[in-house]
Amino acid sequence: MAGGAEGIARDRVAVAGASGFVGRALVPRLVADGVRVRAIVRDLTRARTRLPPTVELSRADLASGDGLDRAVYGVDTAYYLVISLGSARGRAFAEQDREAARRFVEACDRSGVRRIIYLGGIGEADRPLPAHLASRREVARILGSGSAELTTVGAAMIVGAGGASFEMATQLVERLPVMVLPRWVETRSQPIALADIVEYLAGCRRLPATAGRSYDAGGPETLRYWELLLRIGARLGRVPRLVTVPVLTPSLSAHWVGFITEVDAATARPLVDGLVTEAVERDDSLRRLLPFRRTPFDTAVDLALAARAPAPGGRSRIRWRHFPRSLGGGPLRLFRGARRSG
């Protein structure tokens, strides 16, 4: 296909990860802009139920590279919204992310794709990062190693129904009237509404000046994690008591999230690891390029809660079987007592 790439009318935009959390919101936004969208997905049946009927679907597997050349053929700009978080055990997700990014950028090179727009994470560039954020940085490096110009938009927690970080926080608030939390609850971040990150991603495509650049995209408020939990609780009418303890390891925290919420421990571990790193905008250049009124945090939470599907088994469901028995009965008694008091 590489040989036939010249002279193609490149009026399509491809979206890898189109049926995921952010992709399902971005694709209709691009369609509303008059863009011809090709959705790159693994499951065509699921994609048909999640995406507008006018969108072209292209099945491809980033793990094997199967179908990728066809998926990006004739495309000018490709969005990369793929992350392996939770689909591989331990630190294997980082290698899975790297391999998927390599296959994607190689296919884009063969097809002559001119631009890639990537949704990454916010983290201080001059410091070591937890595995989750380090993987996002490495994916950006790989995507930028090809011939296409890369635009990276980094975000902290995206506030929207179905987002893993938002669901983790919300379900903890829903299910625990008392929370025992580690010191990382003091970490600051700028959570951003799903609609706002979509506006930034769509806007970058329209602005050639964003090609080859990296940006941070935060919401209008900087919150510590404990403040974020209390603000979500206020919107739910269910404000928890927070108890901070000096020692609560990431592994224990991940198991705790796994048995309290619908976010499994494999997904929770890298998310919890990432909470020790501040996720705050380092500059406001993207806001100056794409000015609009960013959604206040409380409004973003209200919109996300209104769009959520009911949690399986009801909000009081706690998955005790996921809590490691080696931790003894003390933590279980504490959480069961907290549940009864609610």
Protein backbone atom coordinates (compact mmCIF):
# COMPACT_ATOMS: atom_id res chain seq x y z
CA MET A 1 0.00 0.00 0.00
CA ALA A 2 2.88 2.36 0.63
CA GLY A 3 3.52 2.64 -3.06
CA GLY A 4 -0.04 3.76 -3.74
CA ALA A 5 -0.19 6.35 -0.99
CA GLU A 6 0.77 9.28 -3.20
CA GLY A 7 -2.04 11.15 -4.90
CA ILE A 8 -4.77 9.84 -2.59
CA ALA A 9 -7.54 12.29 -1.68
CA ARG A 10 -6.88 12.34 2.06
CA ASP A 11 -10.16 13.60 3.44
CA ARG A 12 -10.54 11.04 6.22
CA VAL A 13 -9.54 11.10 9.86
CA ALA A 14 -8.88 7.77 11.59
CA VAL A 15 -9.54 7.24 15.29
CA ALA A 16 -7.79 4.30 16.97
CA GLY A 17 -9.70 3.37 20.10
CA ALA A 18 -12.88 4.90 18.71
CA SER A 19 -15.25 2.72 20.75
CA GLY A 20 -13.48 3.45 24.05
CA PHE A 21 -14.28 6.00 26.75
CA VAL A 22 -12.92 9.11 25.00
CA GLY A 23 -13.34 7.81 21.45
CA ARG A 24 -17.11 7.44 21.83
CA ALA A 25 -17.30 11.16 22.66
CA LEU A 26 -14.71 12.38 20.14
CA VAL A 27 -16.10 10.61 17.06
CA PRO A 28 -19.53 12.38 17.12
CA ARG A 29 -17.73 15.69 17.71
CA LEU A 30 -15.60 15.17 14.59
CA VAL A 31 -18.67 14.13 12.60
CA ALA A 32 -20.38 17.36 13.72
CA ASP A 33 -17.36 19.25 12.32
CA GLY A 34 -18.04 17.68 8.92
CA VAL A 35 -15.12 15.26 9.14
CA ARG A 36 -15.22 11.86 7.45
CA VAL A 37 -14.27 9.52 10.27
CA ARG A 38 -12.89 6.01 10.02
CA ALA A 39 -13.17 4.27 13.38
CA ILE A 40 -10.42 1.74 14.08
CA VAL A 41 -11.88 -0.90 16.38
CA ARG A 42 -11.38 -4.53 17.41
CA ASP A 43 -15.06 -5.43 17.80
CA LEU A 44 -17.27 -4.33 14.90
CA THR A 45 -20.50 -5.45 16.57
CA ARG A 46 -19.88 -3.41 19.71
CA ALA A 47 -18.70 -0.41 17.68
CA ARG A 48 -21.95 -0.34 15.68
CA THR A 49 -23.91 0.10 18.90
CA ARG A 50 -21.63 2.85 20.22
CA LEU A 51 -20.83 5.04 17.22
CA PRO A 52 -22.89 7.10 14.73
CA PRO A 53 -24.16 5.05 11.76
CA THR A 54 -22.41 7.35 9.26
CA VAL A 55 -18.96 6.46 10.61
CA GLU A 56 -16.84 4.06 8.56
CA LEU A 57 -15.69 1.10 10.67
CA SER A 58 -12.37 -0.63 10.13
CA ARG A 59 -11.41 -3.69 12.12
CA ALA A 60 -7.78 -3.84 13.23
CA ASP A 61 -5.77 -5.43 16.02
CA LEU A 62 -2.95 -3.28 17.34
CA ALA A 63 -1.45 -6.18 19.27
CA SER A 64 -0.78 -8.14 16.08
CA GLY A 65 -0.91 -5.33 13.52
CA ASP A 66 -3.66 -7.19 11.67
CA GLY A 67 -5.70 -4.78 9.52
CA LEU A 68 -3.76 -1.65 10.46
CA ASP A 69 -2.48 -0.84 6.97
CA ARG A 70 -6.01 -0.92 5.62
CA ALA A 71 -7.32 1.11 8.59
CA VAL A 72 -4.98 4.08 8.05
CA TYR A 73 -4.84 3.94 4.25
CA GLY A 74 -5.74 7.29 2.67
CA VAL A 75 -5.87 9.05 6.06
CA ASP A 76 -4.38 12.49 6.70
CA THR A 77 -4.73 12.64 10.49
CA ALA A 78 -4.93 9.73 12.93
CA TYR A 79 -6.00 9.95 16.56
CA TYR A 80 -4.42 7.51 18.98
CA LEU A 81 -6.61 6.91 22.05
CA VAL A 82 -5.41 3.40 22.87
CA ILE A 83 -4.17 2.27 26.27
CA SER A 84 -3.64 -1.29 27.50
CA LEU A 85 -4.38 -0.48 31.14
CA GLY A 86 -6.11 -3.43 32.79
CA SER A 87 -5.81 -5.73 29.77
CA ALA A 88 -2.44 -7.12 30.83
CA ARG A 89 -1.15 -8.21 34.23
CA GLY A 90 1.59 -6.58 36.28
CA ARG A 91 3.88 -4.32 34.27
CA ALA A 92 3.10 -6.22 31.06
CA PHE A 93 0.67 -3.48 30.05
CA ALA A 94 3.64 -1.14 29.40
CA GLU A 95 5.20 -3.55 26.89
CA GLN A 96 1.78 -4.09 25.32
CA ASP A 97 1.41 -0.31 24.96
CA ARG A 98 4.85 0.03 23.39
CA GLU A 99 4.26 -2.77 20.88
CA ALA A 100 0.86 -1.37 19.86
CA ALA A 101 2.34 2.11 19.36
CA ARG A 102 5.19 0.71 17.23
CA ARG A 103 2.81 -1.18 14.97
CA PHE A 104 0.57 1.87 14.63
CA VAL A 105 3.34 4.32 13.72
CA GLU A 106 4.84 1.86 11.24
CA ALA A 107 1.46 1.50 9.50
CA CYS A 108 1.06 5.29 9.45
CA ASP A 109 4.50 5.64 7.86
CA ARG A 110 3.67 3.12 5.15
CA SER A 111 0.43 4.94 4.34
CA GLY A 112 1.90 8.44 4.49
CA VAL A 113 -0.25 9.72 7.38
CA ARG A 114 0.77 13.33 8.01
CA ARG A 115 -0.39 13.88 11.58
CA ILE A 116 -0.99 11.83 14.72
CA ILE A 117 -2.86 13.29 17.69
CA TYR A 118 -2.31 11.42 20.94
CA LEU A 119 -4.10 11.66 24.28
CA GLY A 120 -1.47 11.14 26.98
CA GLY A 121 -1.04 12.03 30.63
CA ILE A 122 0.27 15.00 32.60
CA GLY A 123 3.48 14.42 34.53
CA GLU A 124 6.64 16.39 35.22
CA ALA A 125 8.96 15.71 32.30
CA ASP A 126 12.19 15.94 34.34
CA ARG A 127 11.23 13.43 37.06
CA PRO A 128 10.84 9.65 37.20
CA LEU A 129 7.22 8.63 36.77
CA PRO A 130 5.09 5.71 37.99
CA ALA A 131 4.74 2.86 35.47
CA HIS A 132 1.38 4.05 34.11
CA LEU A 133 2.54 7.60 33.33
CA ALA A 134 6.00 6.47 32.20
CA SER A 135 4.28 4.18 29.70
CA ARG A 136 2.21 7.08 28.36
CA ARG A 137 5.41 9.11 27.91
CA GLU A 138 7.12 6.21 26.12
CA VAL A 139 4.14 5.77 23.80
CA ALA A 140 4.38 9.46 22.90
CA ARG A 141 8.08 9.01 22.10
CA ILE A 142 7.33 6.04 19.83
CA LEU A 143 4.45 7.78 18.05
CA GLY A 144 6.73 10.77 17.45
CA SER A 145 9.51 8.63 15.97
CA GLY A 146 7.81 8.22 12.60
CA SER A 147 7.34 10.62 9.70
CA ALA A 148 3.96 11.96 10.90
CA GLU A 149 3.97 15.11 13.02
CA LEU A 150 2.79 14.28 16.53
CA THR A 151 0.54 16.39 18.72
CA THR A 152 0.31 15.18 22.32
CA VAL A 153 -2.46 16.40 24.62
CA GLY A 154 -1.86 15.39 28.24
CA ALA A 155 -4.73 15.18 30.71
CA ALA A 156 -5.25 14.21 34.34
CA MET A 157 -8.52 12.57 35.46
CA ILE A 158 -11.15 12.89 32.74
CA VAL A 159 -14.53 13.39 34.39
CA GLY A 160 -17.03 11.33 32.44
CA ALA A 161 -19.26 8.30 32.77
CA GLY A 162 -17.23 5.13 32.31
CA GLY A 163 -13.78 6.68 32.79
CA ALA A 164 -11.73 4.36 35.04
CA SER A 165 -10.31 7.10 37.29
CA PHE A 166 -13.67 8.83 37.69
CA GLU A 167 -15.49 5.55 38.34
CA MET A 168 -12.87 4.55 40.90
CA ALA A 169 -13.36 7.76 42.88
CA THR A 170 -17.15 7.82 42.51
CA GLN A 171 -17.73 4.22 43.52
CA LEU A 172 -15.52 4.62 46.58
CA VAL A 173 -17.66 7.57 47.66
CA GLU A 174 -20.89 5.70 46.93
CA ARG A 175 -19.93 2.57 48.84
CA LEU A 176 -17.88 3.76 51.80
CA PRO A 177 -19.15 6.22 54.41
CA VAL A 178 -15.66 6.03 55.98
CA MET A 179 -12.49 5.85 53.89
CA VAL A 180 -9.01 4.99 55.13
CA LEU A 181 -6.62 6.71 52.74
CA PRO A 182 -2.84 7.06 52.34
CA ARG A 183 -0.89 10.29 52.15
CA TRP A 184 -1.26 10.54 48.38
CA VAL A 185 -4.70 12.07 48.98
CA GLU A 186 -2.77 15.37 49.25
CA THR A 187 -1.65 15.11 45.60
CA ARG A 188 -2.96 17.92 43.39
CA SER A 189 -4.54 17.50 39.97
CA GLN A 190 -6.67 19.36 37.45
CA PRO A 191 -9.54 17.02 36.52
CA ILE A 192 -11.07 17.91 33.17
CA ALA A 193 -14.58 17.33 31.82
CA LEU A 194 -14.92 14.76 29.04
CA ALA A 195 -16.52 17.38 26.78
CA ASP A 196 -13.55 19.72 27.32
CA ILE A 197 -10.84 17.19 26.46
CA VAL A 198 -12.84 16.32 23.35
CA GLU A 199 -12.95 20.02 22.44
CA TYR A 200 -9.16 20.24 22.76
CA LEU A 201 -8.57 17.08 20.72
CA ALA A 202 -10.93 18.19 17.96
CA GLY A 203 -9.46 21.70 18.00
CA CYS A 204 -5.89 20.47 17.56
CA ARG A 205 -6.87 18.89 14.24
CA ARG A 206 -8.18 22.24 13.00
CA LEU A 207 -5.00 24.13 13.96
CA PRO A 208 -1.89 23.25 11.90
CA ALA A 209 0.20 25.20 14.45
CA THR A 210 -0.35 22.42 17.00
CA ALA A 211 1.50 19.86 14.85
CA GLY A 212 4.74 18.69 16.43
CA ARG A 213 3.80 20.15 19.83
CA SER A 214 2.96 18.77 23.27
CA TYR A 215 0.32 20.36 25.52
CA ASP A 216 -1.24 19.97 28.93
CA ALA A 217 -5.03 20.14 29.22
CA GLY A 218 -6.46 20.69 32.67
CA GLY A 219 -9.80 21.76 34.05
CA PRO A 220 -10.44 25.17 35.64
CA GLU A 221 -9.82 23.97 39.23
CA THR A 222 -6.81 22.44 40.97
CA LEU A 223 -7.94 19.96 43.64
CA ARG A 224 -6.23 17.65 46.07
CA TYR A 225 -7.52 14.10 45.82
CA TRP A 226 -9.35 14.31 49.15
CA GLU A 227 -11.07 17.49 47.96
CA LEU A 228 -12.08 15.72 44.77
CA LEU A 229 -13.65 12.87 46.75
CA LEU A 230 -15.59 15.25 48.97
CA ARG A 231 -16.82 17.29 46.01
CA ILE A 232 -18.07 14.14 44.27
CA GLY A 233 -19.72 13.14 47.54
CA ALA A 234 -21.47 16.50 47.76
CA ARG A 235 -22.97 15.98 44.28
CA LEU A 236 -24.14 12.52 45.33
CA GLY A 237 -25.48 13.73 48.67
CA ARG A 238 -23.19 11.19 50.32
CA VAL A 239 -20.11 12.91 51.80
CA PRO A 240 -17.72 10.34 53.33
CA ARG A 241 -15.49 10.66 56.37
CA LEU A 242 -11.84 10.51 55.35
CA VAL A 243 -9.18 9.04 57.63
CA THR A 244 -5.55 9.40 56.52
CA VAL A 245 -2.98 6.81 57.60
CA PRO A 246 0.81 7.09 57.19
CA VAL A 247 1.32 3.70 55.52
CA LEU A 248 -0.92 2.19 52.87
CA THR A 249 1.05 0.66 50.01
CA PRO A 250 -0.02 0.98 46.34
CA SER A 251 -0.55 -2.79 46.25
CA LEU A 252 -2.89 -2.72 49.26
CA SER A 253 -4.65 0.36 47.91
CA ALA A 254 -5.23 -1.39 44.57
CA HIS A 255 -6.70 -4.47 46.26
CA TRP A 256 -8.86 -2.18 48.37
CA VAL A 257 -10.19 -0.47 45.23
CA GLY A 258 -10.66 -3.88 43.60
CA PHE A 259 -12.94 -5.29 46.26
CA ILE A 260 -14.90 -2.07 46.91
CA THR A 261 -15.52 -0.99 43.29
CA GLU A 262 -16.08 -2.46 39.82
CA VAL A 263 -12.54 -1.34 38.84
CA ASP A 264 -10.42 -4.50 39.03
CA ALA A 265 -7.11 -4.53 40.87
CA ALA A 266 -5.08 -4.89 37.65
CA THR A 267 -6.49 -1.59 36.42
CA ALA A 268 -6.50 0.06 39.85
CA ARG A 269 -2.80 -0.57 40.57
CA PRO A 270 -1.33 1.71 37.87
CA LEU A 271 -4.07 4.29 38.53
CA VAL A 272 -3.21 4.34 42.24
CA ASP A 273 0.52 4.50 41.43
CA GLY A 274 -0.19 7.55 39.27
CA LEU A 275 -1.88 9.39 42.13
CA VAL A 276 1.46 10.11 43.79
CA THR A 277 2.38 12.39 40.85
CA GLU A 278 0.88 15.85 40.56
CA ALA A 279 -1.18 16.28 37.40
CA VAL A 280 -1.24 20.05 36.98
CA GLU A 281 -0.81 22.09 33.79
CA ARG A 282 2.75 23.28 33.25
CA ASP A 283 1.67 26.01 30.82
CA ASP A 284 -1.50 27.48 29.37
CA SER A 285 -0.52 27.50 25.70
CA LEU A 286 -3.32 25.16 24.62
CA ARG A 287 -5.90 27.30 26.42
CA ARG A 288 -4.61 30.36 24.58
CA LEU A 289 -4.78 28.58 21.21
CA LEU A 290 -8.24 27.14 21.85
CA PRO A 291 -10.07 29.49 24.20
CA PHE A 292 -13.45 28.41 25.53
CA ARG A 293 -15.15 28.37 28.92
CA ARG A 294 -13.97 25.20 30.61
CA THR A 295 -16.57 23.19 32.48
CA PRO A 296 -16.53 23.69 36.28
CA PHE A 297 -15.73 20.51 38.21
CA ASP A 298 -19.12 20.24 39.91
CA THR A 299 -20.92 20.64 36.59
CA ALA A 300 -18.68 18.01 34.99
CA VAL A 301 -19.48 15.61 37.84
CA ASP A 302 -23.23 16.24 37.49
CA LEU A 303 -23.08 15.51 33.75
CA ALA A 304 -21.04 12.35 34.32
CA LEU A 305 -23.35 11.06 37.04
CA ALA A 306 -26.41 11.69 34.87
CA ALA A 307 -24.86 9.65 32.05
CA ARG A 308 -23.74 6.69 34.17
CA ALA A 309 -25.28 3.26 33.83
CA PRO A 310 -26.34 1.65 37.14
CA ALA A 311 -23.47 -0.29 38.71
CA PRO A 312 -23.90 -4.08 38.46
CA GLY A 313 -25.45 -5.40 41.63
CA GLY A 314 -26.25 -1.93 42.99
CA ARG A 315 -24.05 0.66 44.57
CA SER A 316 -23.70 -1.20 47.89
CA ARG A 317 -22.04 -4.22 46.30
CA ILE A 318 -18.61 -4.92 47.82
CA ARG A 319 -16.54 -7.73 46.33
CA TRP A 320 -15.03 -9.27 49.48
CA ARG A 321 -13.51 -12.16 47.54
CA HIS A 322 -11.02 -9.74 45.91
CA PHE A 323 -9.51 -8.66 49.23
CA PRO A 324 -6.34 -10.65 50.01
CA ARG A 325 -6.81 -12.97 53.01
CA SER A 326 -3.19 -12.46 54.05
CA LEU A 327 -4.12 -9.00 55.34
CA GLY A 328 -6.08 -10.50 58.23
CA GLY A 329 -9.45 -9.62 59.66
CA GLY A 330 -8.72 -6.10 60.91
CA PRO A 331 -9.20 -4.21 57.60
CA LEU A 332 -12.26 -6.32 56.78
CA ARG A 333 -13.88 -5.50 60.10
CA LEU A 334 -13.17 -1.81 59.54
CA PHE A 335 -14.73 -1.73 56.07
CA ARG A 336 -17.69 -3.90 57.03
CA GLY A 337 -18.34 -1.65 59.99
CA ALA A 338 -18.15 1.39 57.71
CA ARG A 339 -20.62 -0.22 55.33
CA ARG A 340 -23.13 -0.96 58.15
CA SER A 341 -22.84 2.58 59.52
CA GLY A 342 -23.88 3.93 56.09
